[in-house]
């Protein structure tokens, strides 16, 4: 039987994810913690703030599907975060903080 990627939903703290998230675009990534840009997909930590990337999110996951096996083969500890879910929940968290 061949293994395939399947979405799994899990309750996580968005602020914890943000501190350790590499957001990858078409050609390079950015650190969600400090907003450093031009980070390579192979980076283990942010070159600026030294945050360890435990999570990765792709702005357009469909264009990066072929890379997922390689990335997770090299770094099996990485968790892939859905970018839309992350963005929506981060916005919700910021809105809730306004009313505290």
PDB file of N, CA and C in Angstrom:
ATOM      1  N   UNK A   1       0.832  -1.179   0.000  1.00  0.00           N
ATOM      2  CA  UNK A   1       0.000   0.000   0.000  1.00  0.00           C
ATOM      3  C   UNK A   1       0.885   1.253   0.000  1.00  0.00           C
ATOM      4  N   UNK A   2       0.543   2.227  -0.796  1.00  0.00           N
ATOM      5  CA  UNK A   2       1.359   3.441  -0.843  1.00  0.00           C
ATOM      6  C   UNK A   2       0.800   4.490   0.113  1.00  0.00           C
ATOM      7  N   UNK A   3       1.707   5.226   0.708  1.00  0.00           N
ATOM      8  CA  UNK A   3       1.307   6.280   1.639  1.00  0.00           C
ATOM      9  C   UNK A   3       1.027   7.562   0.869  1.00  0.00           C
ATOM     10  N   UNK A   4       0.011   8.270   1.300  1.00  0.00           N
ATOM     11  CA  UNK A   4      -0.399   9.522   0.683  1.00  0.00           C
ATOM     12  C   UNK A   4      -0.522  10.588   1.765  1.00  0.00           C
ATOM     13  N   UNK A   5      -0.486  11.849   1.361  1.00  0.00           N
ATOM     14  CA  UNK A   5      -0.702  12.940   2.307  1.00  0.00           C
ATOM     15  C   UNK A   5      -2.198  13.118   2.529  1.00  0.00           C
ATOM     16  N   UNK A   6      -2.594  13.173   3.798  1.00  0.00           N
ATOM     17  CA  UNK A   6      -3.984  13.375   4.193  1.00  0.00           C
ATOM     18  C   UNK A   6      -3.997  14.433   5.283  1.00  0.00           C
ATOM     19  N   UNK A   7      -4.941  15.353   5.206  1.00  0.00           N
ATOM     20  CA  UNK A   7      -5.059  16.392   6.233  1.00  0.00           C
ATOM     21  C   UNK A   7      -5.529  15.769   7.544  1.00  0.00           C
ATOM     22  N   UNK A   8      -4.917  16.209   8.622  1.00  0.00           N
ATOM     23  CA  UNK A   8      -5.309  15.789   9.966  1.00  0.00           C
ATOM     24  C   UNK A   8      -5.509  17.058  10.781  1.00  0.00           C
ATOM     25  N   UNK A   9      -6.637  17.169  11.451  1.00  0.00           N
ATOM     26  CA  UNK A   9      -6.915  18.368  12.233  1.00  0.00           C
ATOM     27  C   UNK A   9      -6.562  18.130  13.688  1.00  0.00           C
ATOM     28  N   UNK A  10      -5.910  19.117  14.276  1.00  0.00           N
ATOM     29  CA  UNK A  10      -5.432  19.029  15.647  1.00  0.00           C
ATOM     30  C   UNK A  10      -5.548  20.415  16.273  1.00  0.00           C
ATOM     31  N   UNK A  11      -5.900  20.465  17.548  1.00  0.00           N
ATOM     32  CA  UNK A  11      -5.984  21.742  18.250  1.00  0.00           C
ATOM     33  C   UNK A  11      -4.575  22.181  18.646  1.00  0.00           C
ATOM     34  N   UNK A  12      -4.181  23.366  18.197  1.00  0.00           N
ATOM     35  CA  UNK A  12      -2.856  23.911  18.500  1.00  0.00           C
ATOM     36  C   UNK A  12      -2.990  25.380  18.871  1.00  0.00           C
ATOM     37  N   UNK A  13      -1.993  25.889  19.586  1.00  0.00           N
ATOM     38  CA  UNK A  13      -1.942  27.298  19.967  1.00  0.00           C
ATOM     39  C   UNK A  13      -1.297  28.090  18.824  1.00  0.00           C
ATOM     40  N   UNK A  14      -2.041  29.004  18.230  1.00  0.00           N
ATOM     41  CA  UNK A  14      -1.561  29.776  17.086  1.00  0.00           C
ATOM     42  C   UNK A  14      -0.316  30.582  17.441  1.00  0.00           C
ATOM     43  N   UNK A  15      -0.241  31.113  18.652  1.00  0.00           N
ATOM     44  CA  UNK A  15       0.932  31.914  19.031  1.00  0.00           C
ATOM     45  C   UNK A  15       2.188  31.044  19.113  1.00  0.00           C
ATOM     46  N   UNK A  16       2.044  29.789  19.503  1.00  0.00           N
ATOM     47  CA  UNK A  16       3.192  28.874  19.551  1.00  0.00           C
ATOM     48  C   UNK A  16       3.629  28.525  18.132  1.00  0.00           C
ATOM     49  N   UNK A  17       2.667  28.332  17.248  1.00  0.00           N
ATOM     50  CA  UNK A  17       2.989  28.035  15.849  1.00  0.00           C
ATOM     51  C   UNK A  17       3.732  29.216  15.229  1.00  0.00           C
ATOM     52  N   UNK A  18       3.236  30.427  15.458  1.00  0.00           N
ATOM     53  CA  UNK A  18       3.828  31.637  14.864  1.00  0.00           C
ATOM     54  C   UNK A  18       5.305  31.787  15.231  1.00  0.00           C
ATOM     55  N   UNK A  19       5.674  31.399  16.428  1.00  0.00           N
ATOM     56  CA  UNK A  19       7.058  31.543  16.889  1.00  0.00           C
ATOM     57  C   UNK A  19       8.014  30.583  16.189  1.00  0.00           C
ATOM     58  N   UNK A  20       7.480  29.544  15.554  1.00  0.00           N
ATOM     59  CA  UNK A  20       8.327  28.508  14.957  1.00  0.00           C
ATOM     60  C   UNK A  20       7.889  28.128  13.548  1.00  0.00           C
ATOM     61  N   UNK A  21       7.324  29.086  12.817  1.00  0.00           N
ATOM     62  CA  UNK A  21       6.745  28.785  11.506  1.00  0.00           C
ATOM     63  C   UNK A  21       7.530  29.411  10.362  1.00  0.00           C
ATOM     64  N   UNK A  22       7.829  28.587   9.363  1.00  0.00           N
ATOM     65  CA  UNK A  22       8.378  29.056   8.097  1.00  0.00           C
ATOM     66  C   UNK A  22       7.223  29.094   7.106  1.00  0.00           C
ATOM     67  N   UNK A  23       6.922  30.270   6.581  1.00  0.00           N
ATOM     68  CA  UNK A  23       5.868  30.422   5.576  1.00  0.00           C
ATOM     69  C   UNK A  23       6.567  30.483   4.224  1.00  0.00           C
ATOM     70  N   UNK A  24       6.278  29.499   3.376  1.00  0.00           N
ATOM     71  CA  UNK A  24       6.975  29.408   2.093  1.00  0.00           C
ATOM     72  C   UNK A  24       6.072  29.832   0.950  1.00  0.00           C
ATOM     73  N   UNK A  25       6.581  30.739   0.121  1.00  0.00           N
ATOM     74  CA  UNK A  25       5.844  31.237  -1.037  1.00  0.00           C
ATOM     75  C   UNK A  25       6.267  30.514  -2.302  1.00  0.00           C
ATOM     76  N   UNK A  26       6.305  31.212  -3.418  1.00  0.00           N
ATOM     77  CA  UNK A  26       6.659  30.589  -4.693  1.00  0.00           C
ATOM     78  C   UNK A  26       8.140  30.242  -4.794  1.00  0.00           C
ATOM     79  N   UNK A  27       9.012  31.144  -4.340  1.00  0.00           N
ATOM     80  CA  UNK A  27      10.448  30.893  -4.500  1.00  0.00           C
ATOM     81  C   UNK A  27      11.255  30.996  -3.210  1.00  0.00           C
ATOM     82  N   UNK A  28      10.699  31.578  -2.171  1.00  0.00           N
ATOM     83  CA  UNK A  28      11.420  31.680  -0.902  1.00  0.00           C
ATOM     84  C   UNK A  28      10.426  31.786   0.239  1.00  0.00           C
ATOM     85  N   UNK A  29      10.969  31.730   1.458  1.00  0.00           N
ATOM     86  CA  UNK A  29      10.109  31.751   2.629  1.00  0.00           C
ATOM     87  C   UNK A  29      10.328  32.971   3.495  1.00  0.00           C
ATOM     88  N   UNK A  30       9.488  33.065   4.514  1.00  0.00           N
ATOM     89  CA  UNK A  30       9.624  34.128   5.500  1.00  0.00           C
ATOM     90  C   UNK A  30       9.358  33.545   6.880  1.00  0.00           C
ATOM     91  N   UNK A  31       9.958  34.164   7.876  1.00  0.00           N
ATOM     92  CA  UNK A  31       9.781  33.745   9.261  1.00  0.00           C
ATOM     93  C   UNK A  31       8.524  34.422   9.805  1.00  0.00           C
ATOM     94  N   UNK A  32       7.600  33.630  10.317  1.00  0.00           N
ATOM     95  CA  UNK A  32       6.372  34.203  10.878  1.00  0.00           C
ATOM     96  C   UNK A  32       6.660  34.942  12.178  1.00  0.00           C
ATOM     97  N   UNK A  33       7.752  34.606  12.842  1.00  0.00           N
ATOM     98  CA  UNK A  33       8.080  35.217  14.127  1.00  0.00           C
ATOM     99  C   UNK A  33       8.626  36.634  13.970  1.00  0.00           C
ATOM    100  N   UNK A  34       9.595  36.825  13.061  1.00  0.00           N
ATOM    101  CA  UNK A  34      10.242  38.140  12.949  1.00  0.00           C
ATOM    102  C   UNK A  34      10.079  38.782  11.574  1.00  0.00           C
ATOM    103  N   UNK A  35       9.416  38.099  10.652  1.00  0.00           N
ATOM    104  CA  UNK A  35       9.166  38.590   9.293  1.00  0.00           C
ATOM    105  C   UNK A  35      10.407  38.661   8.415  1.00  0.00           C
ATOM    106  N   UNK A  36      11.474  37.948   8.782  1.00  0.00           N
ATOM    107  CA  UNK A  36      12.650  37.879   7.919  1.00  0.00           C
ATOM    108  C   UNK A  36      12.231  37.243   6.595  1.00  0.00           C
ATOM    109  N   UNK A  37      12.831  37.704   5.496  1.00  0.00           N
ATOM    110  CA  UNK A  37      12.444  37.211   4.175  1.00  0.00           C
ATOM    111  C   UNK A  37      13.613  36.515   3.482  1.00  0.00           C
ATOM    112  N   UNK A  38      13.327  35.949   2.320  1.00  0.00           N
ATOM    113  CA  UNK A  38      14.316  35.254   1.482  1.00  0.00           C
ATOM    114  C   UNK A  38      14.944  34.058   2.189  1.00  0.00           C
ATOM    115  N   UNK A  39      14.145  33.318   2.934  1.00  0.00           N
ATOM    116  CA  UNK A  39      14.635  32.136   3.645  1.00  0.00           C
ATOM    117  C   UNK A  39      14.445  30.919   2.748  1.00  0.00           C
ATOM    118  N   UNK A  40      15.483  30.116   2.626  1.00  0.00           N
ATOM    119  CA  UNK A  40      15.445  28.916   1.793  1.00  0.00           C
ATOM    120  C   UNK A  40      14.591  27.838   2.442  1.00  0.00           C
ATOM    121  N   UNK A  41      14.028  26.972   1.625  1.00  0.00           N
ATOM    122  CA  UNK A  41      13.195  25.873   2.092  1.00  0.00           C
ATOM    123  C   UNK A  41      13.974  24.927   3.005  1.00  0.00           C
ATOM    124  N   UNK A  42      15.266  24.821   2.800  1.00  0.00           N
ATOM    125  CA  UNK A  42      16.106  23.915   3.576  1.00  0.00           C
ATOM    126  C   UNK A  42      16.479  24.464   4.955  1.00  0.00           C
ATOM    127  N   UNK A  43      16.163  25.716   5.240  1.00  0.00           N
ATOM    128  CA  UNK A  43      16.556  26.349   6.508  1.00  0.00           C
ATOM    129  C   UNK A  43      15.923  25.634   7.698  1.00  0.00           C
ATOM    130  N   UNK A  44      16.736  25.378   8.709  1.00  0.00           N
ATOM    131  CA  UNK A  44      16.282  24.722   9.932  1.00  0.00           C
ATOM    132  C   UNK A  44      15.850  25.767  10.957  1.00  0.00           C
ATOM    133  N   UNK A  45      16.465  26.949  10.862  1.00  0.00           N
ATOM    134  CA  UNK A  45      16.121  28.044  11.771  1.00  0.00           C
ATOM    135  C   UNK A  45      16.187  29.366  11.027  1.00  0.00           C
ATOM    136  N   UNK A  46      15.578  30.375  11.617  1.00  0.00           N
ATOM    137  CA  UNK A  46      15.583  31.708  11.025  1.00  0.00           C
ATOM    138  C   UNK A  46      16.985  32.311  11.142  1.00  0.00           C
ATOM    139  N   UNK A  47      17.530  32.855  10.064  1.00  0.00           N
ATOM    140  CA  UNK A  47      18.859  33.463  10.143  1.00  0.00           C
ATOM    141  C   UNK A  47      18.891  34.728  10.999  1.00  0.00           C
ATOM    142  N   UNK A  48      17.749  35.383  11.186  1.00  0.00           N
ATOM    143  CA  UNK A  48      17.704  36.621  11.962  1.00  0.00           C
ATOM    144  C   UNK A  48      17.415  36.382  13.441  1.00  0.00           C
ATOM    145  N   UNK A  49      16.269  35.766  13.748  1.00  0.00           N
ATOM    146  CA  UNK A  49      15.868  35.616  15.160  1.00  0.00           C
ATOM    147  C   UNK A  49      16.232  34.252  15.750  1.00  0.00           C
ATOM    148  N   UNK A  50      16.759  33.351  14.924  1.00  0.00           N
ATOM    149  CA  UNK A  50      17.203  32.010  15.350  1.00  0.00           C
ATOM    150  C   UNK A  50      16.063  31.106  15.824  1.00  0.00           C
ATOM    151  N   UNK A  51      14.818  31.434  15.470  1.00  0.00           N
ATOM    152  CA  UNK A  51      13.682  30.569  15.817  1.00  0.00           C
ATOM    153  C   UNK A  51      13.821  29.260  15.049  1.00  0.00           C
ATOM    154  N   UNK A  52      13.657  28.142  15.747  1.00  0.00           N
ATOM    155  CA  UNK A  52      13.731  26.831  15.097  1.00  0.00           C
ATOM    156  C   UNK A  52      12.407  26.579  14.387  1.00  0.00           C
ATOM    157  N   UNK A  53      12.483  26.194  13.117  1.00  0.00           N
ATOM    158  CA  UNK A  53      11.277  25.934  12.345  1.00  0.00           C
ATOM    159  C   UNK A  53      10.773  24.519  12.623  1.00  0.00           C
ATOM    160  N   UNK A  54       9.735  24.429  13.456  1.00  0.00           N
ATOM    161  CA  UNK A  54       9.072  23.158  13.739  1.00  0.00           C
ATOM    162  C   UNK A  54       7.854  22.977  12.848  1.00  0.00           C
ATOM    163  N   UNK A  55       7.416  24.072  12.226  1.00  0.00           N
ATOM    164  CA  UNK A  55       6.227  24.066  11.376  1.00  0.00           C
ATOM    165  C   UNK A  55       6.568  24.722  10.047  1.00  0.00           C
ATOM    166  N   UNK A  56       5.903  24.268   9.007  1.00  0.00           N
ATOM    167  CA  UNK A  56       6.050  24.897   7.696  1.00  0.00           C
ATOM    168  C   UNK A  56       4.662  25.046   7.086  1.00  0.00           C
ATOM    169  N   UNK A  57       4.463  26.160   6.409  1.00  0.00           N
ATOM    170  CA  UNK A  57       3.190  26.429   5.752  1.00  0.00           C
ATOM    171  C   UNK A  57       3.494  26.941   4.352  1.00  0.00           C
ATOM    172  N   UNK A  58       2.719  26.483   3.389  1.00  0.00           N
ATOM    173  CA  UNK A  58       2.910  26.901   2.003  1.00  0.00           C
ATOM    174  C   UNK A  58       1.753  27.797   1.585  1.00  0.00           C
ATOM    175  N   UNK A  59       2.084  28.948   1.020  1.00  0.00           N
ATOM    176  CA  UNK A  59       1.033  29.860   0.560  1.00  0.00           C
ATOM    177  C   UNK A  59       0.181  29.205  -0.527  1.00  0.00           C
ATOM    178  N   UNK A  60       0.801  28.385  -1.355  1.00  0.00           N
ATOM    179  CA  UNK A  60       0.082  27.642  -2.393  1.00  0.00           C
ATOM    180  C   UNK A  60       0.540  26.189  -2.314  1.00  0.00           C
ATOM    181  N   UNK A  61      -0.114  25.413  -1.497  1.00  0.00           N
ATOM    182  CA  UNK A  61       0.308  24.036  -1.238  1.00  0.00           C
ATOM    183  C   UNK A  61       0.321  23.190  -2.506  1.00  0.00           C
ATOM    184  N   UNK A  62      -0.606  23.412  -3.410  1.00  0.00           N
ATOM    185  CA  UNK A  62      -0.690  22.573  -4.613  1.00  0.00           C
ATOM    186  C   UNK A  62       0.557  22.667  -5.477  1.00  0.00           C
ATOM    187  N   UNK A  63       1.170  23.830  -5.531  1.00  0.00           N
ATOM    188  CA  UNK A  63       2.379  23.975  -6.345  1.00  0.00           C
ATOM    189  C   UNK A  63       3.604  23.362  -5.669  1.00  0.00           C
ATOM    190  N   UNK A  64       3.500  23.033  -4.387  1.00  0.00           N
ATOM    191  CA  UNK A  64       4.644  22.481  -3.660  1.00  0.00           C
ATOM    192  C   UNK A  64       4.468  21.016  -3.266  1.00  0.00           C
ATOM    193  N   UNK A  65       3.382  20.376  -3.684  1.00  0.00           N
ATOM    194  CA  UNK A  65       3.155  18.975  -3.323  1.00  0.00           C
ATOM    195  C   UNK A  65       4.329  18.061  -3.673  1.00  0.00           C
ATOM    196  N   UNK A  66       4.972  18.225  -4.828  1.00  0.00           N
ATOM    197  CA  UNK A  66       6.107  17.347  -5.135  1.00  0.00           C
ATOM    198  C   UNK A  66       7.278  17.479  -4.148  1.00  0.00           C
ATOM    199  N   UNK A  67       7.398  18.614  -3.491  1.00  0.00           N
ATOM    200  CA  UNK A  67       8.504  18.851  -2.557  1.00  0.00           C
ATOM    201  C   UNK A  67       8.245  18.268  -1.170  1.00  0.00           C
ATOM    202  N   UNK A  68       6.997  17.987  -0.832  1.00  0.00           N
ATOM    203  CA  UNK A  68       6.657  17.578   0.532  1.00  0.00           C
ATOM    204  C   UNK A  68       7.379  16.319   0.978  1.00  0.00           C
ATOM    205  N   UNK A  69       7.427  15.305   0.135  1.00  0.00           N
ATOM    206  CA  UNK A  69       8.096  14.052   0.509  1.00  0.00           C
ATOM    207  C   UNK A  69       9.567  14.289   0.813  1.00  0.00           C
ATOM    208  N   UNK A  70      10.215  15.081  -0.021  1.00  0.00           N
ATOM    209  CA  UNK A  70      11.639  15.365   0.187  1.00  0.00           C
ATOM    210  C   UNK A  70      11.855  16.141   1.480  1.00  0.00           C
ATOM    211  N   UNK A  71      11.057  17.180   1.692  1.00  0.00           N
ATOM    212  CA  UNK A  71      11.202  18.018   2.888  1.00  0.00           C
ATOM    213  C   UNK A  71      10.982  17.191   4.152  1.00  0.00           C
ATOM    214  N   UNK A  72       9.918  16.403   4.177  1.00  0.00           N
ATOM    215  CA  UNK A  72       9.634  15.595   5.369  1.00  0.00           C
ATOM    216  C   UNK A  72      10.608  14.431   5.513  1.00  0.00           C
ATOM    217  N   UNK A  73      11.181  13.965   4.413  1.00  0.00           N
ATOM    218  CA  UNK A  73      12.214  12.934   4.492  1.00  0.00           C
ATOM    219  C   UNK A  73      13.474  13.465   5.154  1.00  0.00           C
ATOM    220  N   UNK A  74      13.813  14.713   4.854  1.00  0.00           N
ATOM    221  CA  UNK A  74      14.995  15.350   5.438  1.00  0.00           C
ATOM    222  C   UNK A  74      14.742  15.815   6.866  1.00  0.00           C
ATOM    223  N   UNK A  75      13.507  16.258   7.147  1.00  0.00           N
ATOM    224  CA  UNK A  75      13.163  16.779   8.480  1.00  0.00           C
ATOM    225  C   UNK A  75      11.809  16.218   8.927  1.00  0.00           C
ATOM    226  N   UNK A  76      11.801  14.977   9.399  1.00  0.00           N
ATOM    227  CA  UNK A  76      10.532  14.324   9.761  1.00  0.00           C
ATOM    228  C   UNK A  76       9.808  14.974  10.940  1.00  0.00           C
ATOM    229  N   UNK A  77      10.487  15.816  11.696  1.00  0.00           N
ATOM    230  CA  UNK A  77       9.866  16.480  12.848  1.00  0.00           C
ATOM    231  C   UNK A  77       8.956  17.639  12.433  1.00  0.00           C
ATOM    232  N   UNK A  78       9.049  18.093  11.190  1.00  0.00           N
ATOM    233  CA  UNK A  78       8.245  19.226  10.726  1.00  0.00           C
ATOM    234  C   UNK A  78       6.771  18.863  10.643  1.00  0.00           C
ATOM    235  N   UNK A  79       5.937  19.781  11.067  1.00  0.00           N
ATOM    236  CA  UNK A  79       4.490  19.639  10.897  1.00  0.00           C
ATOM    237  C   UNK A  79       4.061  20.633   9.827  1.00  0.00           C
ATOM    238  N   UNK A  80       3.257  20.179   8.889  1.00  0.00           N
ATOM    239  CA  UNK A  80       2.767  21.047   7.824  1.00  0.00           C
ATOM    240  C   UNK A  80       1.469  21.688   8.288  1.00  0.00           C
ATOM    241  N   UNK A  81       1.435  23.004   8.241  1.00  0.00           N
ATOM    242  CA  UNK A  81       0.278  23.779   8.684  1.00  0.00           C
ATOM    243  C   UNK A  81      -0.430  24.352   7.460  1.00  0.00           C
ATOM    244  N   UNK A  82      -1.743  24.216   7.390  1.00  0.00           N
ATOM    245  CA  UNK A  82      -2.517  24.801   6.303  1.00  0.00           C
ATOM    246  C   UNK A  82      -2.473  26.326   6.438  1.00  0.00           C
ATOM    247  N   UNK A  83      -2.010  27.014   5.390  1.00  0.00           N
ATOM    248  CA  UNK A  83      -1.818  28.461   5.469  1.00  0.00           C
ATOM    249  C   UNK A  83      -3.128  29.209   5.691  1.00  0.00           C
ATOM    250  N   UNK A  84      -4.193  28.780   5.040  1.00  0.00           N
ATOM    251  CA  UNK A  84      -5.482  29.454   5.219  1.00  0.00           C
ATOM    252  C   UNK A  84      -5.991  29.302   6.650  1.00  0.00           C
ATOM    253  N   UNK A  85      -5.861  28.108   7.213  1.00  0.00           N
ATOM    254  CA  UNK A  85      -6.269  27.891   8.608  1.00  0.00           C
ATOM    255  C   UNK A  85      -5.443  28.762   9.548  1.00  0.00           C
ATOM    256  N   UNK A  86      -4.125  28.788   9.309  1.00  0.00           N
ATOM    257  CA  UNK A  86      -3.229  29.580  10.149  1.00  0.00           C
ATOM    258  C   UNK A  86      -3.603  31.060  10.084  1.00  0.00           C
ATOM    259  N   UNK A  87      -3.768  31.593   8.881  1.00  0.00           N
ATOM    260  CA  UNK A  87      -4.091  33.016   8.710  1.00  0.00           C
ATOM    261  C   UNK A  87      -5.418  33.373   9.363  1.00  0.00           C
ATOM    262  N   UNK A  88      -6.415  32.538   9.151  1.00  0.00           N
ATOM    263  CA  UNK A  88      -7.740  32.800   9.721  1.00  0.00           C
ATOM    264  C   UNK A  88      -7.687  32.785  11.247  1.00  0.00           C
ATOM    265  N   UNK A  89      -7.027  31.789  11.823  1.00  0.00           N
ATOM    266  CA  UNK A  89      -6.956  31.688  13.279  1.00  0.00           C
ATOM    267  C   UNK A  89      -6.058  32.747  13.897  1.00  0.00           C
ATOM    268  N   UNK A  90      -5.021  33.169  13.183  1.00  0.00           N
ATOM    269  CA  UNK A  90      -4.176  34.256  13.676  1.00  0.00           C
ATOM    270  C   UNK A  90      -4.980  35.552  13.728  1.00  0.00           C
ATOM    271  N   UNK A  91      -5.754  35.821  12.689  1.00  0.00           N
ATOM    272  CA  UNK A  91      -6.614  37.006  12.677  1.00  0.00           C
ATOM    273  C   UNK A  91      -7.644  36.967  13.783  1.00  0.00           C
ATOM    274  N   UNK A  92      -8.217  35.806  14.002  1.00  0.00           N
ATOM    275  CA  UNK A  92      -9.208  35.638  15.072  1.00  0.00           C
ATOM    276  C   UNK A  92      -8.567  35.891  16.433  1.00  0.00           C
ATOM    277  N   UNK A  93      -7.354  35.382  16.622  1.00  0.00           N
ATOM    278  CA  UNK A  93      -6.634  35.570  17.879  1.00  0.00           C
ATOM    279  C   UNK A  93      -6.316  37.049  18.117  1.00  0.00           C
ATOM    280  N   UNK A  94      -5.904  37.755  17.064  1.00  0.00           N
ATOM    281  CA  UNK A  94      -5.610  39.190  17.189  1.00  0.00           C
ATOM    282  C   UNK A  94      -6.870  39.974  17.530  1.00  0.00           C
ATOM    283  N   UNK A  95      -7.989  39.603  16.921  1.00  0.00           N
ATOM    284  CA  UNK A  95      -9.261  40.281  17.208  1.00  0.00           C
ATOM    285  C   UNK A  95      -9.683  40.049  18.654  1.00  0.00           C
ATOM    286  N   UNK A  96      -9.503  38.840  19.150  1.00  0.00           N
ATOM    287  CA  UNK A  96      -9.847  38.541  20.542  1.00  0.00           C
ATOM    288  C   UNK A  96      -8.974  39.333  21.502  1.00  0.00           C
ATOM    289  N   UNK A  97      -7.697  39.516  21.141  1.00  0.00           N
ATOM    290  CA  UNK A  97      -6.780  40.281  21.992  1.00  0.00           C
ATOM    291  C   UNK A  97      -7.189  41.749  22.092  1.00  0.00           C
ATOM    292  N   UNK A  98      -7.836  42.280  21.065  1.00  0.00           N
ATOM    293  CA  UNK A  98      -8.292  43.672  21.102  1.00  0.00           C
ATOM    294  C   UNK A  98      -9.347  43.895  22.176  1.00  0.00           C
ATOM    295  N   UNK A  99     -10.124  42.870  22.454  1.00  0.00           N
ATOM    296  CA  UNK A  99     -11.221  43.000  23.408  1.00  0.00           C
ATOM    297  C   UNK A  99     -10.855  42.562  24.818  1.00  0.00           C
ATOM    298  N   UNK A 100      -9.589  42.282  25.049  1.00  0.00           N
ATOM    299  CA  UNK A 100      -9.147  41.892  26.402  1.00  0.00           C
ATOM    300  C   UNK A 100      -8.816  43.106  27.218  1.00  0.00           C
TER     301      UNK A 100
END
